[in-house]
Structures are given as C-alpha cells and as structure tokens.
Amino acid sequence: MSVAEEMAPAEPTSVEVPAIGVVSELVHLGLQDDGAIEVPPYGGGSPAGWYRHGPTPGEIGPAVILGHRNASEGGPGIFAELPTMEVGDTIAVTRDDGTLAEFVVYRTDRFPQEEFPTLDVYGNTVGPELRLITCDGLNRDTGVLEDNFIVYAELKD
C-alpha cells in the first residue's frame, strides 16, 4: 500500500460508490448512550452516515461511513450491494470545502458481530483511509443479520 498525502480536515457531505450504484448524502453520526456508534435511519431511501468522532475522509486515520443492507420496512438499504465490492473499486467522498477525497478498495471482509475488528476499523493508520460498514450474514431462522461486512480503502495518490 502506498501512502497518499493527507488532505486538510473538511466534513463529508456525500459518498459515491460506482461499483454498487450508490450516491448518498451523509448524515453525521455520534455515539449512543451505551457507547456504541449510532447508525443511520433505517427506512427505505435512508442515507449513509459518517462517524463524526473520527477523522474526516482524507485526513490521516480511518474515516468511517455506515449504511444499512436492508430497509426496516423491507427492500434494499443504501449499502444492499456492499458485499459485492472488490479490491480496486473506487469510492468518492465530497467534502464541505468543495474537494473530493477519492479512495481505492484494498480489502473487504466479513466478521460475526461479536468478533468485530475494532482495532482494524478504528485504529490508527499510516495514511488517510476509509471504512464502509454494513450488516450482513442473514440468519434465516431468526431473520437477523448477525455479521458485519467491511470495506477497507486508502486515499488515491
């Protein structure tokens, strides 16, 4: 992996993921009372959300964007096709200073929620990186998504 030059901080306003046909405005997410990260709204057509207590996309460190795989009333969520992403796919994040942070996927992975790789997702990185996260792993007996699918990307040179 090469290390791209860091961009100045600027809050993200939207994300585009061409490989899966996603264009979404971004809501800003914080922490719930129990310390867990907030999630975006569940309804159909709901946007993805950026975790505002981490780096902004383009800063050194892992910026994190979350989206749902399914909508609460049924049907696809904004990240329904996230598990089809592949190494080499691109992600573009528009920032409120008018700049575009472009990322290239270098890894994808799926983990049981109880084995979530917190350090890999939120830990320090050498350069600017991005994580896209959604739920995955439908348990057909319970109807619950028991895993997380994570896309790891680095800022393009």
C-alpha atoms as a PDB file:
ATOM      1  CA  MET A   1       0.000   0.000   0.000  1.00  0.00           C
ATOM      2  CA  SER A   2       1.236   3.450  -0.835  1.00  0.00           C
ATOM      3  CA  VAL A   3       0.593   6.412   1.432  1.00  0.00           C
ATOM      4  CA  ALA A   4      -1.205   9.360  -0.159  1.00  0.00           C
ATOM      5  CA  GLU A   5      -0.722  12.882   1.106  1.00  0.00           C
ATOM      6  CA  GLU A   6      -3.181  13.928   3.799  1.00  0.00           C
ATOM      7  CA  MET A   7      -5.937  16.422   2.959  1.00  0.00           C
ATOM      8  CA  ALA A   8      -6.956  19.272   5.270  1.00  0.00           C
ATOM      9  CA  PRO A   9      -9.926  18.459   7.524  1.00  0.00           C
ATOM     10  CA  ALA A  10     -13.332  19.021   5.886  1.00  0.00           C
ATOM     11  CA  GLU A  11     -16.604  17.351   6.798  1.00  0.00           C
ATOM     12  CA  PRO A  12     -18.035  14.939   4.232  1.00  0.00           C
ATOM     13  CA  THR A  13     -21.342  15.784   2.590  1.00  0.00           C
ATOM     14  CA  SER A  14     -21.902  12.813   0.259  1.00  0.00           C
ATOM     15  CA  VAL A  15     -20.466   9.494  -0.875  1.00  0.00           C
ATOM     16  CA  GLU A  16     -20.471   7.844  -4.298  1.00  0.00           C
ATOM     17  CA  VAL A  17     -19.682   4.156  -4.814  1.00  0.00           C
ATOM     18  CA  PRO A  18     -19.888   3.490  -8.583  1.00  0.00           C
ATOM     19  CA  ALA A  19     -19.369  -0.294  -8.369  1.00  0.00           C
ATOM     20  CA  ILE A  20     -22.658  -0.694  -6.494  1.00  0.00           C
ATOM     21  CA  GLY A  21     -24.566   2.292  -7.888  1.00  0.00           C
ATOM     22  CA  VAL A  22     -24.625   4.266  -4.631  1.00  0.00           C
ATOM     23  CA  VAL A  23     -24.850   8.034  -4.392  1.00  0.00           C
ATOM     24  CA  SER A  24     -25.861   9.236  -0.924  1.00  0.00           C
ATOM     25  CA  GLU A  25     -25.899  12.378   1.126  1.00  0.00           C
ATOM     26  CA  LEU A  26     -24.313  11.744   4.527  1.00  0.00           C
ATOM     27  CA  VAL A  27     -25.861  12.217   7.941  1.00  0.00           C
ATOM     28  CA  HIS A  28     -23.473  12.774  10.842  1.00  0.00           C
ATOM     29  CA  LEU A  29     -23.379  10.040  13.480  1.00  0.00           C
ATOM     30  CA  GLY A  30     -22.106  10.088  17.044  1.00  0.00           C
ATOM     31  CA  LEU A  31     -22.358   7.666  19.945  1.00  0.00           C
ATOM     32  CA  GLN A  32     -25.398   6.149  21.630  1.00  0.00           C
ATOM     33  CA  ASP A  33     -25.837   6.350  25.423  1.00  0.00           C
ATOM     34  CA  ASP A  34     -24.269   2.877  25.781  1.00  0.00           C
ATOM     35  CA  GLY A  35     -21.126   3.999  23.909  1.00  0.00           C
ATOM     36  CA  ALA A  36     -21.960   2.146  20.686  1.00  0.00           C
ATOM     37  CA  ILE A  37     -21.785   4.055  17.426  1.00  0.00           C
ATOM     38  CA  GLU A  38     -25.078   5.491  16.164  1.00  0.00           C
ATOM     39  CA  VAL A  39     -26.486   4.059  12.967  1.00  0.00           C
ATOM     40  CA  PRO A  40     -28.209   5.909  10.119  1.00  0.00           C
ATOM     41  CA  PRO A  41     -32.022   5.909   9.846  1.00  0.00           C
ATOM     42  CA  TYR A  42     -33.495   2.511   8.879  1.00  0.00           C
ATOM     43  CA  GLY A  43     -36.168   3.474   6.349  1.00  0.00           C
ATOM     44  CA  GLY A  44     -36.041   2.857   2.612  1.00  0.00           C
ATOM     45  CA  GLY A  45     -34.097   5.599   0.860  1.00  0.00           C
ATOM     46  CA  SER A  46     -32.255   6.489   4.069  1.00  0.00           C
ATOM     47  CA  PRO A  47     -28.760   7.907   3.575  1.00  0.00           C
ATOM     48  CA  ALA A  48     -25.444   6.571   4.732  1.00  0.00           C
ATOM     49  CA  GLY A  49     -23.816   8.185   7.760  1.00  0.00           C
ATOM     50  CA  TRP A  50     -20.319   9.393   8.660  1.00  0.00           C
ATOM     51  CA  TYR A  51     -18.963   8.804  12.188  1.00  0.00           C
ATOM     52  CA  ARG A  52     -18.157  12.374  13.216  1.00  0.00           C
ATOM     53  CA  HIS A  53     -15.845  11.500  16.134  1.00  0.00           C
ATOM     54  CA  GLY A  54     -13.204  10.073  13.783  1.00  0.00           C
ATOM     55  CA  PRO A  55     -11.095  11.597  11.022  1.00  0.00           C
ATOM     56  CA  THR A  56     -12.759  13.327   8.116  1.00  0.00           C
ATOM     57  CA  PRO A  57     -12.284  11.481   4.795  1.00  0.00           C
ATOM     58  CA  GLY A  58      -8.829  12.455   3.502  1.00  0.00           C
ATOM     59  CA  GLU A  59      -7.255  13.057   6.918  1.00  0.00           C
ATOM     60  CA  ILE A  60      -4.754  10.554   8.301  1.00  0.00           C
ATOM     61  CA  GLY A  61      -6.650   7.758  10.004  1.00  0.00           C
ATOM     62  CA  PRO A  62      -9.725   5.705   9.211  1.00  0.00           C
ATOM     63  CA  ALA A  63     -12.834   7.722   8.340  1.00  0.00           C
ATOM     64  CA  VAL A  64     -15.922   5.551   8.846  1.00  0.00           C
ATOM     65  CA  ILE A  65     -19.178   5.542   6.842  1.00  0.00           C
ATOM     66  CA  LEU A  66     -22.069   3.248   7.772  1.00  0.00           C
ATOM     67  CA  GLY A  67     -25.179   2.242   5.841  1.00  0.00           C
ATOM     68  CA  HIS A  68     -27.902  -0.359   6.098  1.00  0.00           C
ATOM     69  CA  ARG A  69     -28.113  -3.510   3.997  1.00  0.00           C
ATOM     70  CA  ASN A  70     -31.904  -3.630   4.318  1.00  0.00           C
ATOM     71  CA  ALA A  71     -34.615  -1.075   4.983  1.00  0.00           C
ATOM     72  CA  SER A  72     -36.750  -1.520   8.105  1.00  0.00           C
ATOM     73  CA  GLU A  73     -39.934  -1.953   6.052  1.00  0.00           C
ATOM     74  CA  GLY A  74     -38.268  -4.436   3.695  1.00  0.00           C
ATOM     75  CA  GLY A  75     -36.365  -3.934   0.482  1.00  0.00           C
ATOM     76  CA  PRO A  76     -32.793  -2.797  -0.024  1.00  0.00           C
ATOM     77  CA  GLY A  77     -30.927  -0.309   2.106  1.00  0.00           C
ATOM     78  CA  ILE A  78     -28.290   2.115   0.787  1.00  0.00           C
ATOM     79  CA  PHE A  79     -25.484  -0.473   1.202  1.00  0.00           C
ATOM     80  CA  ALA A  80     -27.500  -3.503  -0.003  1.00  0.00           C
ATOM     81  CA  GLU A  81     -24.807  -4.409  -2.546  1.00  0.00           C
ATOM     82  CA  LEU A  82     -21.756  -3.544  -0.415  1.00  0.00           C
ATOM     83  CA  PRO A  83     -20.708  -7.223  -0.089  1.00  0.00           C
ATOM     84  CA  THR A  84     -20.204  -7.372  -3.869  1.00  0.00           C
ATOM     85  CA  MET A  85     -17.411  -4.783  -3.776  1.00  0.00           C
ATOM     86  CA  GLU A  86     -13.946  -5.879  -4.853  1.00  0.00           C
ATOM     87  CA  VAL A  87     -10.347  -4.815  -4.427  1.00  0.00           C
ATOM     88  CA  GLY A  88      -9.645  -1.981  -6.884  1.00  0.00           C
ATOM     89  CA  ASP A  89     -13.168  -0.481  -6.746  1.00  0.00           C
ATOM     90  CA  THR A  90     -13.322   3.247  -6.049  1.00  0.00           C
ATOM     91  CA  ILE A  91     -15.197   5.416  -3.564  1.00  0.00           C
ATOM     92  CA  ALA A  92     -15.536   9.203  -3.807  1.00  0.00           C
ATOM     93  CA  VAL A  93     -16.420  11.426  -0.860  1.00  0.00           C
ATOM     94  CA  THR A  94     -17.457  15.036  -1.479  1.00  0.00           C
ATOM     95  CA  ARG A  95     -16.384  17.359   1.329  1.00  0.00           C
ATOM     96  CA  ASP A  96     -17.846  20.664   2.517  1.00  0.00           C
ATOM     97  CA  ASP A  97     -14.804  22.624   1.310  1.00  0.00           C
ATOM     98  CA  GLY A  98     -15.625  21.595  -2.278  1.00  0.00           C
ATOM     99  CA  THR A  99     -12.872  18.978  -2.523  1.00  0.00           C
ATOM    100  CA  LEU A 100     -13.251  15.321  -3.436  1.00  0.00           C
ATOM    101  CA  ALA A 101     -11.491  12.558  -1.492  1.00  0.00           C
ATOM    102  CA  GLU A 102     -11.085   9.522  -3.761  1.00  0.00           C
ATOM    103  CA  PHE A 103     -10.331   6.111  -2.296  1.00  0.00           C
ATOM    104  CA  VAL A 104      -9.394   2.697  -3.726  1.00  0.00           C
ATOM    105  CA  VAL A 105     -10.518  -0.531  -2.039  1.00  0.00           C
ATOM    106  CA  TYR A 106      -7.630  -2.739  -0.874  1.00  0.00           C
ATOM    107  CA  ARG A 107      -9.545  -5.252   1.261  1.00  0.00           C
ATOM    108  CA  THR A 108     -13.045  -6.487   2.099  1.00  0.00           C
ATOM    109  CA  ASP A 109     -14.024  -8.774   4.948  1.00  0.00           C
ATOM    110  CA  ARG A 110     -16.980 -10.166   6.863  1.00  0.00           C
ATOM    111  CA  PHE A 111     -16.982 -10.782  10.627  1.00  0.00           C
ATOM    112  CA  PRO A 112     -19.518 -12.066  13.161  1.00  0.00           C
ATOM    113  CA  GLN A 113     -20.724  -9.007  15.086  1.00  0.00           C
ATOM    114  CA  GLU A 114     -19.370 -10.431  18.350  1.00  0.00           C
ATOM    115  CA  GLU A 115     -15.903 -10.597  16.715  1.00  0.00           C
ATOM    116  CA  PHE A 116     -15.988  -7.077  15.240  1.00  0.00           C
ATOM    117  CA  PRO A 117     -12.390  -5.999  14.445  1.00  0.00           C
ATOM    118  CA  THR A 118     -12.496  -2.713  16.362  1.00  0.00           C
ATOM    119  CA  LEU A 119      -8.752  -2.001  16.070  1.00  0.00           C
ATOM    120  CA  ASP A 120      -8.707  -2.716  12.294  1.00  0.00           C
ATOM    121  CA  VAL A 121     -11.685  -0.429  11.748  1.00  0.00           C
ATOM    122  CA  TYR A 122     -10.998   2.461  14.127  1.00  0.00           C
ATOM    123  CA  GLY A 123      -7.283   2.104  14.941  1.00  0.00           C
ATOM    124  CA  ASN A 124      -4.508   4.378  13.717  1.00  0.00           C
ATOM    125  CA  THR A 125      -3.343   4.101  10.109  1.00  0.00           C
ATOM    126  CA  VAL A 126      -0.214   5.413   8.386  1.00  0.00           C
ATOM    127  CA  GLY A 127      -2.217   7.388   5.827  1.00  0.00           C
ATOM    128  CA  PRO A 128      -5.751   8.521   5.033  1.00  0.00           C
ATOM    129  CA  GLU A 129      -8.163   5.586   4.848  1.00  0.00           C
ATOM    130  CA  LEU A 130     -11.881   4.921   4.657  1.00  0.00           C
ATOM    131  CA  ARG A 131     -14.109   2.169   6.029  1.00  0.00           C
ATOM    132  CA  LEU A 132     -17.586   1.383   4.704  1.00  0.00           C
ATOM    133  CA  ILE A 133     -19.605  -0.829   7.056  1.00  0.00           C
ATOM    134  CA  THR A 134     -22.934  -2.637   6.824  1.00  0.00           C
ATOM    135  CA  CYS A 135     -24.651  -5.604   8.443  1.00  0.00           C
ATOM    136  CA  ASP A 136     -24.511  -8.970   6.661  1.00  0.00           C
ATOM    137  CA  GLY A 137     -24.894 -12.685   7.312  1.00  0.00           C
ATOM    138  CA  LEU A 138     -28.636 -13.283   7.429  1.00  0.00           C
ATOM    139  CA  ASN A 139     -29.671 -15.985   9.892  1.00  0.00           C
ATOM    140  CA  ARG A 140     -32.663 -17.474   8.055  1.00  0.00           C
ATOM    141  CA  ASP A 141     -34.056 -18.950  11.280  1.00  0.00           C
ATOM    142  CA  THR A 142     -34.160 -15.653  13.185  1.00  0.00           C
ATOM    143  CA  GLY A 143     -34.258 -13.141  10.309  1.00  0.00           C
ATOM    144  CA  VAL A 144     -31.379 -11.252  11.944  1.00  0.00           C
ATOM    145  CA  LEU A 145     -28.223 -10.042  10.200  1.00  0.00           C
ATOM    146  CA  GLU A 146     -25.509 -11.418  12.508  1.00  0.00           C
ATOM    147  CA  ASP A 147     -22.327 -10.247  10.756  1.00  0.00           C
ATOM    148  CA  ASN A 148     -20.720  -7.023   9.572  1.00  0.00           C
ATOM    149  CA  PHE A 149     -19.254  -6.531   6.106  1.00  0.00           C
ATOM    150  CA  ILE A 150     -16.390  -4.028   5.987  1.00  0.00           C
ATOM    151  CA  VAL A 151     -14.713  -2.369   3.009  1.00  0.00           C
ATOM    152  CA  TYR A 152     -11.196  -1.019   3.626  1.00  0.00           C
ATOM    153  CA  ALA A 153      -9.924   1.674   1.239  1.00  0.00           C
ATOM    154  CA  GLU A 154      -6.972   4.045   1.002  1.00  0.00           C
ATOM    155  CA  LEU A 155      -6.799   7.564  -0.415  1.00  0.00           C
ATOM    156  CA  LYS A 156      -5.731   7.610  -4.067  1.00  0.00           C
ATOM    157  CA  ASP A 157      -2.331   9.158  -4.822  1.00  0.00           C
END
